[in-house]
Each structure stands twice: as structure tokens, then as C-alpha cells.
C-alpha atoms as a PDB file:
ATOM      1  CA  MET A   1    -132.517 -23.750 -24.446  1.00  0.00           C
ATOM      2  CA  LEU A   2    -131.151 -19.802 -24.804  1.00  0.00           C
ATOM      3  CA  ASN A   3    -134.739 -19.193 -24.401  1.00  0.00           C
ATOM      4  CA  ARG A   4    -134.587 -20.255 -21.328  1.00  0.00           C
ATOM      5  CA  PHE A   5    -131.358 -19.463 -20.231  1.00  0.00           C
ATOM      6  CA  ILE A   6    -132.508 -15.879 -21.290  1.00  0.00           C
ATOM      7  CA  LYS A   7    -135.438 -15.934 -19.078  1.00  0.00           C
ATOM      8  CA  ILE A   8    -133.211 -17.045 -15.933  1.00  0.00           C
ATOM      9  CA  LEU A   9    -130.753 -14.194 -16.794  1.00  0.00           C
ATOM     10  CA  LEU A  10    -133.984 -11.531 -16.426  1.00  0.00           C
ATOM     11  CA  VAL A  11    -135.374 -12.889 -13.469  1.00  0.00           C
ATOM     12  CA  PHE A  12    -131.557 -12.863 -12.011  1.00  0.00           C
ATOM     13  CA  THR A  13    -131.076  -9.381 -13.039  1.00  0.00           C
ATOM     14  CA  VAL A  14    -135.001  -8.132 -11.424  1.00  0.00           C
ATOM     15  CA  CYS A  15    -134.709  -9.677  -8.135  1.00  0.00           C
ATOM     16  CA  THR A  16    -131.060  -8.562  -7.526  1.00  0.00           C
ATOM     17  CA  SER A  17    -131.819  -5.290  -8.455  1.00  0.00           C
ATOM     18  CA  LEU A  18    -135.146  -5.382  -6.404  1.00  0.00           C
ATOM     19  CA  ARG A  19    -132.838  -6.539  -3.478  1.00  0.00           C
ATOM     20  CA  GLY A  20    -130.002  -4.524  -3.373  1.00  0.00           C
ATOM     21  CA  TRP A  21    -127.430  -7.276  -4.201  1.00  0.00           C
ATOM     22  CA  SER A  22    -124.954  -5.211  -6.034  1.00  0.00           C
ATOM     23  CA  GLN A  23    -123.139  -2.652  -4.109  1.00  0.00           C
ATOM     24  CA  THR A  24    -124.769   0.644  -3.594  1.00  0.00           C
ATOM     25  CA  GLY A  25    -123.138   3.628  -4.218  1.00  0.00           C
ATOM     26  CA  VAL A  26    -121.932   5.911  -0.735  1.00  0.00           C
ATOM     27  CA  TYR A  27    -120.180   9.655  -1.836  1.00  0.00           C
ATOM     28  CA  THR A  28    -118.506  11.164   0.594  1.00  0.00           C
ATOM     29  CA  ASN A  29    -115.234  12.211   2.594  1.00  0.00           C
ATOM     30  CA  ALA A  30    -115.418  10.208   5.167  1.00  0.00           C
ATOM     31  CA  GLY A  31    -111.984   9.020   6.464  1.00  0.00           C
ATOM     32  CA  SER A  32    -111.155   5.338   8.230  1.00  0.00           C
ATOM     33  CA  GLY A  33    -113.184   5.077  11.719  1.00  0.00           C
ATOM     34  CA  ASP A  34    -113.875   9.101  11.672  1.00  0.00           C
ATOM     35  CA  THR A  35    -117.712   9.865  12.597  1.00  0.00           C
ATOM     36  CA  LEU A  36    -118.945   9.742   8.993  1.00  0.00           C
ATOM     37  CA  SER A  37    -117.360   6.488   8.607  1.00  0.00           C
ATOM     38  CA  LYS A  38    -119.082   4.688  11.716  1.00  0.00           C
ATOM     39  CA  ALA A  39    -122.767   6.486  10.503  1.00  0.00           C
ATOM     40  CA  ILE A  40    -122.044   4.857   7.420  1.00  0.00           C
ATOM     41  CA  ASP A  41    -120.612   1.177   8.511  1.00  0.00           C
ATOM     42  CA  ASP A  42    -124.405   1.694  11.126  1.00  0.00           C
ATOM     43  CA  LEU A  43    -126.595   2.358   8.072  1.00  0.00           C
ATOM     44  CA  PHE A  44    -125.218  -0.302   6.051  1.00  0.00           C
ATOM     45  CA  LEU A  45    -125.244  -2.732   8.655  1.00  0.00           C
ATOM     46  CA  GLN A  46    -128.748  -2.270   9.436  1.00  0.00           C
ATOM     47  CA  LEU A  47    -129.650  -2.118   5.867  1.00  0.00           C
ATOM     48  CA  GLY A  48    -127.617  -5.498   5.481  1.00  0.00           C
ATOM     49  CA  LYS A  49    -130.049  -6.916   7.884  1.00  0.00           C
ATOM     50  CA  ALA A  50    -133.006  -6.022   5.310  1.00  0.00           C
ATOM     51  CA  GLY A  51    -131.704  -7.845   2.943  1.00  0.00           C
ATOM     52  CA  TYR A  52    -129.585  -5.294   1.347  1.00  0.00           C
ATOM     53  CA  ALA A  53    -125.395  -5.963   0.545  1.00  0.00           C
ATOM     54  CA  GLY A  54    -122.746  -3.751   1.050  1.00  0.00           C
ATOM     55  CA  TYR A  55    -121.364  -0.401   0.130  1.00  0.00           C
ATOM     56  CA  LYS A  56    -119.162   1.487  -2.112  1.00  0.00           C
ATOM     57  CA  LEU A  57    -117.353   4.556  -0.617  1.00  0.00           C
ATOM     58  CA  ASN A  58    -117.128   7.252  -3.484  1.00  0.00           C
ATOM     59  CA  SER A  59    -115.847  10.954  -3.867  1.00  0.00           C
ATOM     60  CA  PRO A  60    -118.638  13.514  -3.668  1.00  0.00           C
ATOM     61  CA  LEU A  61    -116.851  15.114  -6.878  1.00  0.00           C
ATOM     62  CA  SER A  62    -118.604  12.096  -8.584  1.00  0.00           C
ATOM     63  CA  TRP A  63    -121.941  12.356  -7.158  1.00  0.00           C
ATOM     64  CA  ALA A  64    -124.450  12.356 -10.416  1.00  0.00           C
ATOM     65  CA  GLY A  65    -128.312  12.572  -7.430  1.00  0.00           C
ATOM     66  CA  LYS A  66    -127.964   8.442  -7.524  1.00  0.00           C
ATOM     67  CA  GLY A  67    -126.989   6.728  -3.837  1.00  0.00           C
ATOM     68  CA  PHE A  68    -126.626   7.997  -0.600  1.00  0.00           C
ATOM     69  CA  LEU A  69    -124.526  11.528  -0.819  1.00  0.00           C
ATOM     70  CA  ILE A  70    -123.320  11.252   3.337  1.00  0.00           C
ATOM     71  CA  LEU A  71    -121.552  14.894   4.125  1.00  0.00           C
ATOM     72  CA  LYS A  72    -120.854  17.577   6.993  1.00  0.00           C
ATOM     73  CA  THR A  73    -123.226  20.771   5.645  1.00  0.00           C
ATOM     74  CA  ASP A  74    -119.326  22.763   5.545  1.00  0.00           C
ATOM     75  CA  GLU A  75    -118.286  20.122   3.397  1.00  0.00           C
ATOM     76  CA  ALA A  76    -121.791  19.846   1.475  1.00  0.00           C
ATOM     77  CA  SER A  77    -120.939  23.713  -0.115  1.00  0.00           C
ATOM     78  CA  GLN A  78    -117.590  22.918  -1.221  1.00  0.00           C
ATOM     79  CA  TYR A  79    -119.486  21.013  -3.712  1.00  0.00           C
ATOM     80  CA  LYS A  80    -122.771  23.578  -4.364  1.00  0.00           C
ATOM     81  CA  ILE A  81    -124.669  21.189  -2.477  1.00  0.00           C
ATOM     82  CA  THR A  82    -127.849  22.858  -2.271  1.00  0.00           C
ATOM     83  CA  VAL A  83    -129.017  22.568   1.678  1.00  0.00           C
ATOM     84  CA  PRO A  84    -131.967  24.734   3.001  1.00  0.00           C
ATOM     85  CA  ALA A  85    -130.296  27.812   4.631  1.00  0.00           C
ATOM     86  CA  LYS A  86    -131.930  27.316   8.134  1.00  0.00           C
ATOM     87  CA  LEU A  87    -129.773  24.127   8.472  1.00  0.00           C
ATOM     88  CA  LYS A  88    -126.887  26.413   9.564  1.00  0.00           C
ATOM     89  CA  GLN A  89    -128.803  28.090  12.111  1.00  0.00           C
ATOM     90  CA  TYR A  90    -130.024  25.147  14.091  1.00  0.00           C
ATOM     91  CA  GLY A  91    -126.365  24.134  15.690  1.00  0.00           C
ATOM     92  CA  PRO A  92    -124.200  21.496  15.940  1.00  0.00           C
ATOM     93  CA  GLU A  93    -126.849  18.918  15.977  1.00  0.00           C
ATOM     94  CA  GLY A  94    -128.804  19.829  13.010  1.00  0.00           C
ATOM     95  CA  LEU A  95    -129.781  17.807   9.988  1.00  0.00           C
ATOM     96  CA  TYR A  96    -131.293  17.541   6.641  1.00  0.00           C
ATOM     97  CA  ILE A  97    -132.137  14.548   5.038  1.00  0.00           C
ATOM     98  CA  LYS A  98    -133.992  14.671   1.124  1.00  0.00           C
ATOM     99  CA  SER A  99    -134.182  11.383  -0.281  1.00  0.00           C
ATOM    100  CA  ASP A 100    -136.270  10.180  -3.591  1.00  0.00           C
ATOM    101  CA  ASP A 101    -137.112   7.042  -5.118  1.00  0.00           C
ATOM    102  CA  GLN A 102    -132.906   6.317  -6.483  1.00  0.00           C
ATOM    103  CA  SER A 103    -131.204   8.590  -4.046  1.00  0.00           C
ATOM    104  CA  ALA A 104    -130.523  10.284   0.064  1.00  0.00           C
ATOM    105  CA  ILE A 105    -128.602  12.876   0.623  1.00  0.00           C
ATOM    106  CA  ILE A 106    -128.052  12.905   4.496  1.00  0.00           C
ATOM    107  CA  ILE A 107    -126.175  16.213   5.565  1.00  0.00           C
ATOM    108  CA  GLY A 108    -125.644  17.105   9.319  1.00  0.00           C
ATOM    109  CA  ASN A 109    -123.678  19.980  11.105  1.00  0.00           C
ATOM    110  CA  THR A 110    -121.076  17.845  12.622  1.00  0.00           C
ATOM    111  CA  GLY A 111    -120.706  14.041  12.371  1.00  0.00           C
ATOM    112  CA  LEU A 112    -122.514  13.880  15.353  1.00  0.00           C
ATOM    113  CA  ALA A 113    -125.822  15.029  13.630  1.00  0.00           C
ATOM    114  CA  VAL A 114    -124.427  12.799  10.405  1.00  0.00           C
ATOM    115  CA  GLN A 115    -124.897   9.885  13.044  1.00  0.00           C
ATOM    116  CA  GLN A 116    -128.379  11.162  14.002  1.00  0.00           C
ATOM    117  CA  ALA A 117    -130.295  11.533  10.621  1.00  0.00           C
ATOM    118  CA  VAL A 118    -128.749   8.203   9.742  1.00  0.00           C
ATOM    119  CA  TYR A 119    -130.568   6.722  12.546  1.00  0.00           C
ATOM    120  CA  THR A 120    -133.648   9.156  11.290  1.00  0.00           C
ATOM    121  CA  TYR A 121    -133.493   7.856   7.896  1.00  0.00           C
ATOM    122  CA  LEU A 122    -133.588   4.330   9.148  1.00  0.00           C
ATOM    123  CA  ASP A 123    -136.727   5.417  11.562  1.00  0.00           C
ATOM    124  CA  ARG A 124    -138.408   6.350   7.820  1.00  0.00           C
ATOM    125  CA  LEU A 125    -137.400   2.893   6.414  1.00  0.00           C
ATOM    126  CA  GLY A 126    -139.256   1.452   9.355  1.00  0.00           C
ATOM    127  CA  PHE A 127    -136.270   0.182  11.697  1.00  0.00           C
ATOM    128  CA  ARG A 128    -136.812   0.663  14.995  1.00  0.00           C
ATOM    129  CA  PHE A 129    -134.701   0.085  17.583  1.00  0.00           C
ATOM    130  CA  LEU A 130    -136.328   0.642  21.413  1.00  0.00           C
ATOM    131  CA  LEU A 131    -132.857  -0.812  23.434  1.00  0.00           C
ATOM    132  CA  PRO A 132    -129.661  -2.704  22.259  1.00  0.00           C
ATOM    133  CA  GLY A 133    -130.030  -6.376  21.080  1.00  0.00           C
ATOM    134  CA  GLU A 134    -131.706  -8.050  18.459  1.00  0.00           C
ATOM    135  CA  ILE A 135    -134.600  -8.986  20.319  1.00  0.00           C
ATOM    136  CA  TRP A 136    -135.184  -5.009  20.413  1.00  0.00           C
ATOM    137  CA  GLU A 137    -134.865  -4.592  17.136  1.00  0.00           C
ATOM    138  CA  VAL A 138    -137.876  -3.913  14.090  1.00  0.00           C
ATOM    139  CA  ILE A 139    -136.147  -4.664  10.844  1.00  0.00           C
ATOM    140  CA  PRO A 140    -138.759  -4.562   7.869  1.00  0.00           C
ATOM    141  CA  SER A 141    -138.963  -6.064   5.007  1.00  0.00           C
ATOM    142  CA  LEU A 142    -137.546  -3.455   2.418  1.00  0.00           C
ATOM    143  CA  ARG A 143    -138.233  -3.441  -1.413  1.00  0.00           C
ATOM    144  CA  SER A 144    -135.812  -0.127  -2.104  1.00  0.00           C
ATOM    145  CA  VAL A 145    -133.060   1.470   0.561  1.00  0.00           C
ATOM    146  CA  TYR A 146    -134.692   4.452  -1.070  1.00  0.00           C
ATOM    147  CA  LYS A 147    -138.148   6.802   0.678  1.00  0.00           C
ATOM    148  CA  LYS A 148    -139.426  10.324  -0.656  1.00  0.00           C
ATOM    149  CA  THR A 149    -138.718  12.508   2.466  1.00  0.00           C
ATOM    150  CA  GLU A 150    -137.103  15.140   3.162  1.00  0.00           C
ATOM    151  CA  ILE A 151    -136.537  16.391   6.880  1.00  0.00           C
ATOM    152  CA  LEU A 152    -134.523  19.734   8.003  1.00  0.00           C
ATOM    153  CA  THR A 153    -134.680  19.094  12.043  1.00  0.00           C
ATOM    154  CA  ARG A 154    -132.249  19.411  15.335  1.00  0.00           C
ATOM    155  CA  PRO A 155    -133.034  17.584  18.768  1.00  0.00           C
ATOM    156  CA  ASP A 156    -135.759  19.163  20.631  1.00  0.00           C
ATOM    157  CA  TYR A 157    -134.424  19.793  23.869  1.00  0.00           C
ATOM    158  CA  ASP A 158    -132.400  21.945  26.046  1.00  0.00           C
ATOM    159  CA  ASN A 159    -130.518  20.525  28.792  1.00  0.00           C
ATOM    160  CA  ARG A 160    -128.887  17.163  28.766  1.00  0.00           C
ATOM    161  CA  THR A 161    -127.591  16.445  32.204  1.00  0.00           C
ATOM    162  CA  ILE A 162    -129.367  14.021  34.500  1.00  0.00           C
ATOM    163  CA  ALA A 163    -129.982  15.986  37.512  1.00  0.00           C
ATOM    164  CA  ASN A 164    -130.848  12.328  39.898  1.00  0.00           C
ATOM    165  CA  GLY A 165    -133.256  14.443  41.563  1.00  0.00           C
ATOM    166  CA  HIS A 166    -131.200  17.191  42.739  1.00  0.00           C
ATOM    167  CA  GLY A 167    -133.327  20.440  41.422  1.00  0.00           C
ATOM    168  CA  TYR A 168    -132.997  21.588  37.800  1.00  0.00           C
ATOM    169  CA  ALA A 169    -129.785  21.140  36.803  1.00  0.00           C
ATOM    170  CA  ASN A 170    -127.839  24.380  37.290  1.00  0.00           C
ATOM    171  CA  SER A 171    -130.709  25.805  34.552  1.00  0.00           C
ATOM    172  CA  LYS A 172    -132.045  28.904  35.152  1.00  0.00           C
ATOM    173  CA  LYS A 173    -133.989  28.074  32.115  1.00  0.00           C
ATOM    174  CA  ILE A 174    -135.635  24.852  33.139  1.00  0.00           C
ATOM    175  CA  GLU A 175    -136.384  26.154  36.980  1.00  0.00           C
ATOM    176  CA  THR A 176    -137.928  29.060  36.187  1.00  0.00           C
ATOM    177  CA  ASP A 177    -140.570  26.516  33.633  1.00  0.00           C
ATOM    178  CA  PHE A 178    -141.042  24.738  36.625  1.00  0.00           C
ATOM    179  CA  LYS A 179    -142.037  27.744  39.323  1.00  0.00           C
END
């Protein structure tokens, strides 16, 4: 009887660790309702669809190399988290992601960059979002919420305005490129 109980306990322990049934540690300075907390909510909303449980917020001071570390660039330097020097040159939307089999570091120059970094990381995990709505989502089957990757990037476009067919949206650079 004791032997059977131990086997059941072992199977349960293995299953819960594989499917993320325990709360994942998130180390951040996110405040209630700010951009970072929205990014974290988005991350775990999507991970929840793949079968992973919620998260527990912790101070970045307690970061020990496991879980998610989600910060803005200026905060990362306060906690002596090393980021590539080039990240600061990437402007307000520069982002950096470094992850292994036990952790993911997600850092952006601004809150907007952190949100973009979250969706970039979800993309690396196999999530896809063509349009809003469940019919347009691809939710992968995951063994872990961590995937070894390293990304340093920024958006790759010059202009975000819609010209509605009326010229080049007052951009001399674009106008020159297309003449």
C-alpha cells in the first residue's frame, strides 16, 4: 500500500513539474495596472491556454536565475543585470530576450518594448496570432515555458503613419527612396 502511494505521488510530482501546475516565479518591478503588469498578464494568459498555471510576483532582488525576469533597461542596470550595450542604442522600442531551460530574461527600453518582447518570446515558443479572436490563434503544446534563445532587436520600420494614398506621410526619406 505504501509502495503504491509513493508511486502515485511520484507520478503526480513529475506531471505537475512538466505541465507547470505550480506557480511560476516572475521577478519584476511591475505595479498594478502599469505597462509591465499588462505584459505579464498577457504572457500568462497565453501560457495558461497551453496548460500552465499562474505566476507569483517577486522582487528582482530575489532573482536567483530561475523563472521570468521582466524589467525595463534602466531597472536592469539598477539590479546589475547585464544587457548588451547596443540595446540602449536601439531607441525606445529596443528589446532583449535571453532564455535557457530554467529562466527567461525579458528586458525592453520602455514598457512598450517589454510588451513587444513578451509577444516575441511567445512567438519563439510557437504561439501565433493572425488576428484577434480564438479562431486566429495557434496555441502550441509545450513541455516547458522556457526555450533557449537570445534576441536583441528593435522594430524594423521607419514610419507608422497611414498616408491613405496621399503621398509619403510627410517623410522626406520615404519620398526620396521611392523617386
